Amino acid sequence: MKIKTNADLQKYIGFEVEIRFWDEKVERGILGFTKEFSAKYGFRRPGYFTINNTDFKVSHITHLKVIGAGERLNI
């Protein structure tokens, strides 16, 4: 599915997803979001979405697919 805004992508935080980026790189994992630069978030970039070791903004995504059972994972 196409994701156009932060609000669209925030609906999938905590879900296992597959994301295709603008450079055709594909990442699979749990979607997260970094609210602030702190130890709690592993000193990741604030205001960015995360998957595995990749930080990104919504504009970097060309496609998103929910994988697995499509249930939010409580981590």
PDB file of N, CA and C in Angstrom:
ATOM      1  N   MET A   1       0.840  -1.182   0.000  1.00  0.00           N
ATOM      2  CA  MET A   1       0.000   0.000   0.000  1.00  0.00           C
ATOM      3  C   MET A   1       0.882   1.241   0.000  1.00  0.00           C
ATOM      4  N   LYS A   2       0.370   2.296  -0.526  1.00  0.00           N
ATOM      5  CA  LYS A   2       1.095   3.561  -0.565  1.00  0.00           C
ATOM      6  C   LYS A   2       0.883   4.304   0.744  1.00  0.00           C
ATOM      7  N   ILE A   3       1.949   4.859   1.273  1.00  0.00           N
ATOM      8  CA  ILE A   3       1.906   5.648   2.502  1.00  0.00           C
ATOM      9  C   ILE A   3       2.319   7.070   2.139  1.00  0.00           C
ATOM     10  N   LYS A   4       1.471   8.043   2.483  1.00  0.00           N
ATOM     11  CA  LYS A   4       1.750   9.418   2.067  1.00  0.00           C
ATOM     12  C   LYS A   4       2.031  10.370   3.223  1.00  0.00           C
ATOM     13  N   THR A   5       1.523  10.076   4.423  1.00  0.00           N
ATOM     14  CA  THR A   5       1.702  11.001   5.542  1.00  0.00           C
ATOM     15  C   THR A   5       2.203  10.265   6.779  1.00  0.00           C
ATOM     16  N   ASN A   6       2.735  11.018   7.729  1.00  0.00           N
ATOM     17  CA  ASN A   6       3.160  10.436   9.000  1.00  0.00           C
ATOM     18  C   ASN A   6       2.001   9.737   9.697  1.00  0.00           C
ATOM     19  N   ALA A   7       0.823  10.321   9.624  1.00  0.00           N
ATOM     20  CA  ALA A   7      -0.359   9.727  10.270  1.00  0.00           C
ATOM     21  C   ALA A   7      -0.668   8.357   9.665  1.00  0.00           C
ATOM     22  N   ASP A   8      -0.511   8.225   8.348  1.00  0.00           N
ATOM     23  CA  ASP A   8      -0.728   6.925   7.700  1.00  0.00           C
ATOM     24  C   ASP A   8       0.240   5.887   8.241  1.00  0.00           C
ATOM     25  N   LEU A   9       1.511   6.258   8.365  1.00  0.00           N
ATOM     26  CA  LEU A   9       2.536   5.317   8.800  1.00  0.00           C
ATOM     27  C   LEU A   9       2.436   5.011  10.296  1.00  0.00           C
ATOM     28  N   GLN A  10       2.031   5.984  11.097  1.00  0.00           N
ATOM     29  CA  GLN A  10       1.926   5.775  12.539  1.00  0.00           C
ATOM     30  C   GLN A  10       0.905   4.700  12.900  1.00  0.00           C
ATOM     31  N   LYS A  11      -0.044   4.445  12.043  1.00  0.00           N
ATOM     32  CA  LYS A  11      -1.038   3.392  12.291  1.00  0.00           C
ATOM     33  C   LYS A  11      -0.388   2.018  12.379  1.00  0.00           C
ATOM     34  N   TYR A  12       0.805   1.868  11.795  1.00  0.00           N
ATOM     35  CA  TYR A  12       1.465   0.570  11.726  1.00  0.00           C
ATOM     36  C   TYR A  12       2.627   0.410  12.696  1.00  0.00           C
ATOM     37  N   ILE A  13       2.826   1.363  13.602  1.00  0.00           N
ATOM     38  CA  ILE A  13       3.871   1.227  14.621  1.00  0.00           C
ATOM     39  C   ILE A  13       3.542   0.023  15.495  1.00  0.00           C
ATOM     40  N   GLY A  14       4.540  -0.843  15.681  1.00  0.00           N
ATOM     41  CA  GLY A  14       4.355  -2.054  16.470  1.00  0.00           C
ATOM     42  C   GLY A  14       3.956  -3.258  15.649  1.00  0.00           C
ATOM     43  N   PHE A  15       3.666  -3.064  14.369  1.00  0.00           N
ATOM     44  CA  PHE A  15       3.326  -4.164  13.470  1.00  0.00           C
ATOM     45  C   PHE A  15       4.594  -4.677  12.790  1.00  0.00           C
ATOM     46  N   GLU A  16       4.575  -5.951  12.426  1.00  0.00           N
ATOM     47  CA  GLU A  16       5.648  -6.492  11.606  1.00  0.00           C
ATOM     48  C   GLU A  16       5.324  -6.130  10.162  1.00  0.00           C
ATOM     49  N   VAL A  17       6.236  -5.427   9.515  1.00  0.00           N
ATOM     50  CA  VAL A  17       5.994  -4.911   8.177  1.00  0.00           C
ATOM     51  C   VAL A  17       7.181  -5.176   7.251  1.00  0.00           C
ATOM     52  N   GLU A  18       6.911  -5.055   5.975  1.00  0.00           N
ATOM     53  CA  GLU A  18       7.955  -5.054   4.950  1.00  0.00           C
ATOM     54  C   GLU A  18       7.855  -3.700   4.267  1.00  0.00           C
ATOM     55  N   ILE A  19       8.973  -2.982   4.220  1.00  0.00           N
ATOM     56  CA  ILE A  19       8.989  -1.642   3.642  1.00  0.00           C
ATOM     57  C   ILE A  19       9.966  -1.608   2.482  1.00  0.00           C
ATOM     58  N   ARG A  20       9.523  -1.030   1.358  1.00  0.00           N
ATOM     59  CA  ARG A  20      10.398  -0.799   0.214  1.00  0.00           C
ATOM     60  C   ARG A  20      10.695   0.696   0.177  1.00  0.00           C
ATOM     61  N   PHE A  21      11.985   1.018   0.112  1.00  0.00           N
ATOM     62  CA  PHE A  21      12.426   2.407   0.088  1.00  0.00           C
ATOM     63  C   PHE A  21      12.623   2.897  -1.341  1.00  0.00           C
ATOM     64  N   TRP A  22      12.833   4.182  -1.488  1.00  0.00           N
ATOM     65  CA  TRP A  22      12.976   4.818  -2.792  1.00  0.00           C
ATOM     66  C   TRP A  22      14.121   4.215  -3.608  1.00  0.00           C
ATOM     67  N   ASP A  23      15.161   3.673  -2.944  1.00  0.00           N
ATOM     68  CA  ASP A  23      16.305   3.100  -3.659  1.00  0.00           C
ATOM     69  C   ASP A  23      16.144   1.593  -3.889  1.00  0.00           C
ATOM     70  N   GLU A  24      14.908   1.088  -3.715  1.00  0.00           N
ATOM     71  CA  GLU A  24      14.534  -0.320  -3.906  1.00  0.00           C
ATOM     72  C   GLU A  24      15.042  -1.250  -2.804  1.00  0.00           C
ATOM     73  N   LYS A  25      15.671  -0.709  -1.753  1.00  0.00           N
ATOM     74  CA  LYS A  25      16.074  -1.510  -0.594  1.00  0.00           C
ATOM     75  C   LYS A  25      14.810  -1.960   0.128  1.00  0.00           C
ATOM     76  N   VAL A  26      14.788  -3.201   0.604  1.00  0.00           N
ATOM     77  CA  VAL A  26      13.626  -3.732   1.311  1.00  0.00           C
ATOM     78  C   VAL A  26      14.052  -4.138   2.715  1.00  0.00           C
ATOM     79  N   GLU A  27      13.285  -3.740   3.722  1.00  0.00           N
ATOM     80  CA  GLU A  27      13.524  -4.100   5.121  1.00  0.00           C
ATOM     81  C   GLU A  27      12.275  -4.762   5.669  1.00  0.00           C
ATOM     82  N   ARG A  28      12.468  -5.829   6.453  1.00  0.00           N
ATOM     83  CA  ARG A  28      11.366  -6.487   7.162  1.00  0.00           C
ATOM     84  C   ARG A  28      11.654  -6.436   8.645  1.00  0.00           C
ATOM     85  N   GLY A  29      10.647  -6.108   9.434  1.00  0.00           N
ATOM     86  CA  GLY A  29      10.818  -6.055  10.879  1.00  0.00           C
ATOM     87  C   GLY A  29       9.672  -5.317  11.540  1.00  0.00           C
ATOM     88  N   ILE A  30       9.872  -4.985  12.808  1.00  0.00           N
ATOM     89  CA  ILE A  30       8.869  -4.264  13.593  1.00  0.00           C
ATOM     90  C   ILE A  30       9.064  -2.764  13.380  1.00  0.00           C
ATOM     91  N   LEU A  31       8.008  -2.085  12.989  1.00  0.00           N
ATOM     92  CA  LEU A  31       8.066  -0.643  12.766  1.00  0.00           C
ATOM     93  C   LEU A  31       8.039   0.082  14.105  1.00  0.00           C
ATOM     94  N   GLY A  32       8.953   1.028  14.267  1.00  0.00           N
ATOM     95  CA  GLY A  32       8.998   1.837  15.489  1.00  0.00           C
ATOM     96  C   GLY A  32       9.085   3.308  15.156  1.00  0.00           C
ATOM     97  N   PHE A  33       9.063   4.134  16.198  1.00  0.00           N
ATOM     98  CA  PHE A  33       9.170   5.583  16.042  1.00  0.00           C
ATOM     99  C   PHE A  33       9.997   6.125  17.195  1.00  0.00           C
ATOM    100  N   THR A  34      10.914   7.041  16.904  1.00  0.00           N
ATOM    101  CA  THR A  34      11.777   7.642  17.909  1.00  0.00           C
ATOM    102  C   THR A  34      11.241   9.021  18.257  1.00  0.00           C
ATOM    103  N   LYS A  35      10.797   9.191  19.496  1.00  0.00           N
ATOM    104  CA  LYS A  35      10.229  10.476  19.917  1.00  0.00           C
ATOM    105  C   LYS A  35      11.295  11.480  20.318  1.00  0.00           C
ATOM    106  N   GLU A  36      12.409  10.996  20.874  1.00  0.00           N
ATOM    107  CA  GLU A  36      13.433  11.908  21.372  1.00  0.00           C
ATOM    108  C   GLU A  36      14.794  11.222  21.316  1.00  0.00           C
ATOM    109  N   PHE A  37      15.850  12.015  21.349  1.00  0.00           N
ATOM    110  CA  PHE A  37      17.212  11.492  21.370  1.00  0.00           C
ATOM    111  C   PHE A  37      17.560  11.165  22.818  1.00  0.00           C
ATOM    112  N   SER A  38      17.418   9.888  23.188  1.00  0.00           N
ATOM    113  CA  SER A  38      17.679   9.481  24.566  1.00  0.00           C
ATOM    114  C   SER A  38      18.056   8.007  24.606  1.00  0.00           C
ATOM    115  N   ALA A  39      18.514   7.562  25.753  1.00  0.00           N
ATOM    116  CA  ALA A  39      18.878   6.153  25.934  1.00  0.00           C
ATOM    117  C   ALA A  39      17.663   5.250  25.739  1.00  0.00           C
ATOM    118  N   LYS A  40      16.475   5.739  26.116  1.00  0.00           N
ATOM    119  CA  LYS A  40      15.245   4.958  25.973  1.00  0.00           C
ATOM    120  C   LYS A  40      15.042   4.496  24.531  1.00  0.00           C
ATOM    121  N   TYR A  41      15.417   5.347  23.587  1.00  0.00           N
ATOM    122  CA  TYR A  41      15.245   5.034  22.170  1.00  0.00           C
ATOM    123  C   TYR A  41      16.568   4.644  21.503  1.00  0.00           C
ATOM    124  N   GLY A  42      17.569   4.299  22.308  1.00  0.00           N
ATOM    125  CA  GLY A  42      18.847   3.855  21.759  1.00  0.00           C
ATOM    126  C   GLY A  42      19.609   4.949  21.030  1.00  0.00           C
ATOM    127  N   PHE A  43      19.351   6.202  21.423  1.00  0.00           N
ATOM    128  CA  PHE A  43      20.006   7.368  20.813  1.00  0.00           C
ATOM    129  C   PHE A  43      19.848   7.384  19.290  1.00  0.00           C
ATOM    130  N   ARG A  44      18.635   7.046  18.846  1.00  0.00           N
ATOM    131  CA  ARG A  44      18.305   7.095  17.416  1.00  0.00           C
ATOM    132  C   ARG A  44      17.884   8.512  17.055  1.00  0.00           C
ATOM    133  N   ARG A  45      17.707   8.780  15.778  1.00  0.00           N
ATOM    134  CA  ARG A  45      17.324  10.110  15.312  1.00  0.00           C
ATOM    135  C   ARG A  45      15.896  10.443  15.737  1.00  0.00           C
ATOM    136  N   PRO A  46      15.700  11.542  16.471  1.00  0.00           N
ATOM    137  CA  PRO A  46      14.345  11.894  16.919  1.00  0.00           C
ATOM    138  C   PRO A  46      13.448  12.315  15.759  1.00  0.00           C
ATOM    139  N   GLY A  47      12.176  11.919  15.835  1.00  0.00           N
ATOM    140  CA  GLY A  47      11.208  12.273  14.809  1.00  0.00           C
ATOM    141  C   GLY A  47      11.283  11.388  13.580  1.00  0.00           C
ATOM    142  N   TYR A  48      12.032  10.291  13.669  1.00  0.00           N
ATOM    143  CA  TYR A  48      12.166   9.363  12.549  1.00  0.00           C
ATOM    144  C   TYR A  48      11.504   8.036  12.889  1.00  0.00           C
ATOM    145  N   PHE A  49      11.047   7.338  11.873  1.00  0.00           N
ATOM    146  CA  PHE A  49      10.557   5.978  12.022  1.00  0.00           C
ATOM    147  C   PHE A  49      11.764   5.051  11.973  1.00  0.00           C
ATOM    148  N   THR A  50      11.634   3.855  12.548  1.00  0.00           N
ATOM    149  CA  THR A  50      12.742   2.914  12.576  1.00  0.00           C
ATOM    150  C   THR A  50      12.262   1.517  12.200  1.00  0.00           C
ATOM    151  N   ILE A  51      13.148   0.778  11.572  1.00  0.00           N
ATOM    152  CA  ILE A  51      12.942  -0.637  11.326  1.00  0.00           C
ATOM    153  C   ILE A  51      14.339  -1.254  11.300  1.00  0.00           C
ATOM    154  N   ASN A  52      14.548  -2.253  12.144  1.00  0.00           N
ATOM    155  CA  ASN A  52      15.876  -2.844  12.323  1.00  0.00           C
ATOM    156  C   ASN A  52      16.859  -1.725  12.685  1.00  0.00           C
ATOM    157  N   ASN A  53      17.921  -1.538  11.924  1.00  0.00           N
ATOM    158  CA  ASN A  53      18.896  -0.479  12.207  1.00  0.00           C
ATOM    159  C   ASN A  53      18.778   0.690  11.247  1.00  0.00           C
ATOM    160  N   THR A  54      17.610   0.863  10.652  1.00  0.00           N
ATOM    161  CA  THR A  54      17.387   1.915   9.661  1.00  0.00           C
ATOM    162  C   THR A  54      16.439   2.971  10.225  1.00  0.00           C
ATOM    163  N   ASP A  55      16.859   4.229  10.162  1.00  0.00           N
ATOM    164  CA  ASP A  55      16.014   5.370  10.533  1.00  0.00           C
ATOM    165  C   ASP A  55      15.570   6.042   9.238  1.00  0.00           C
ATOM    166  N   PHE A  56      14.299   6.436   9.159  1.00  0.00           N
ATOM    167  CA  PHE A  56      13.800   7.015   7.905  1.00  0.00           C
ATOM    168  C   PHE A  56      12.581   7.890   8.160  1.00  0.00           C
ATOM    169  N   LYS A  57      12.284   8.725   7.191  1.00  0.00           N
ATOM    170  CA  LYS A  57      11.067   9.534   7.190  1.00  0.00           C
ATOM    171  C   LYS A  57      10.092   8.924   6.194  1.00  0.00           C
ATOM    172  N   VAL A  58       8.847   9.308   6.304  1.00  0.00           N
ATOM    173  CA  VAL A  58       7.805   8.741   5.452  1.00  0.00           C
ATOM    174  C   VAL A  58       8.088   8.996   3.968  1.00  0.00           C
ATOM    175  N   SER A  59       8.768  10.075   3.645  1.00  0.00           N
ATOM    176  CA  SER A  59       9.046  10.397   2.242  1.00  0.00           C
ATOM    177  C   SER A  59      10.026   9.419   1.592  1.00  0.00           C
ATOM    178  N   HIS A  60      10.706   8.592   2.383  1.00  0.00           N
ATOM    179  CA  HIS A  60      11.672   7.624   1.852  1.00  0.00           C
ATOM    180  C   HIS A  60      11.010   6.318   1.410  1.00  0.00           C
ATOM    181  N   ILE A  61       9.722   6.149   1.715  1.00  0.00           N
ATOM    182  CA  ILE A  61       9.019   4.885   1.470  1.00  0.00           C
ATOM    183  C   ILE A  61       8.265   4.921   0.146  1.00  0.00           C
ATOM    184  N   THR A  62       8.351   3.809  -0.605  1.00  0.00           N
ATOM    185  CA  THR A  62       7.528   3.691  -1.807  1.00  0.00           C
ATOM    186  C   THR A  62       6.401   2.678  -1.609  1.00  0.00           C
ATOM    187  N   HIS A  63       6.578   1.719  -0.675  1.00  0.00           N
ATOM    188  CA  HIS A  63       5.563   0.685  -0.484  1.00  0.00           C
ATOM    189  C   HIS A  63       5.674   0.100   0.914  1.00  0.00           C
ATOM    190  N   LEU A  64       4.543  -0.243   1.511  1.00  0.00           N
ATOM    191  CA  LEU A  64       4.495  -0.894   2.823  1.00  0.00           C
ATOM    192  C   LEU A  64       3.556  -2.081   2.747  1.00  0.00           C
ATOM    193  N   LYS A  65       3.969  -3.186   3.370  1.00  0.00           N
ATOM    194  CA  LYS A  65       3.138  -4.380   3.420  1.00  0.00           C
ATOM    195  C   LYS A  65       3.172  -4.923   4.844  1.00  0.00           C
ATOM    196  N   VAL A  66       2.011  -5.155   5.438  1.00  0.00           N
ATOM    197  CA  VAL A  66       1.924  -5.783   6.762  1.00  0.00           C
ATOM    198  C   VAL A  66       2.099  -7.269   6.566  1.00  0.00           C
ATOM    199  N   ILE A  67       3.010  -7.874   7.337  1.00  0.00           N
ATOM    200  CA  ILE A  67       3.260  -9.311   7.204  1.00  0.00           C
ATOM    201  C   ILE A  67       2.865 -10.025   8.485  1.00  0.00           C
ATOM    202  N   GLY A  68       2.848 -11.322   8.436  1.00  0.00           N
ATOM    203  CA  GLY A  68       2.419 -12.100   9.586  1.00  0.00           C
ATOM    204  C   GLY A  68       0.915 -12.035   9.736  1.00  0.00           C
ATOM    205  N   ALA A  69       0.468 -12.068  10.967  1.00  0.00           N
ATOM    206  CA  ALA A  69      -0.968 -12.085  11.237  1.00  0.00           C
ATOM    207  C   ALA A  69      -1.583 -10.691  11.176  1.00  0.00           C
ATOM    208  N   GLY A  70      -0.762  -9.671  10.998  1.00  0.00           N
ATOM    209  CA  GLY A  70      -1.289  -8.303  10.936  1.00  0.00           C
ATOM    210  C   GLY A  70      -1.725  -7.796  12.288  1.00  0.00           C
ATOM    211  N   GLU A  71      -1.102  -8.317  13.361  1.00  0.00           N
ATOM    212  CA  GLU A  71      -1.441  -7.887  14.714  1.00  0.00           C
ATOM    213  C   GLU A  71      -0.302  -7.044  15.279  1.00  0.00           C
ATOM    214  N   ARG A  72      -0.675  -6.043  16.056  1.00  0.00           N
ATOM    215  CA  ARG A  72       0.304  -5.182  16.714  1.00  0.00           C
ATOM    216  C   ARG A  72       1.043  -6.005  17.768  1.00  0.00           C
ATOM    217  N   LEU A  73       2.367  -5.902  17.772  1.00  0.00           N
ATOM    218  CA  LEU A  73       3.185  -6.609  18.736  1.00  0.00           C
ATOM    219  C   LEU A  73       3.507  -5.681  19.899  1.00  0.00           C
ATOM    220  N   ASN A  74       3.277  -6.115  21.107  1.00  0.00           N
ATOM    221  CA  ASN A  74       3.567  -5.323  22.295  1.00  0.00           C
ATOM    222  C   ASN A  74       4.979  -5.623  22.766  1.00  0.00           C
ATOM    223  N   ILE A  75       5.868  -4.675  22.515  1.00  0.00           N
ATOM    224  CA  ILE A  75       7.267  -4.861  22.894  1.00  0.00           C
ATOM    225  C   ILE A  75       7.622  -3.879  23.980  1.00  0.00           C
TER     226      ILE A  75
END
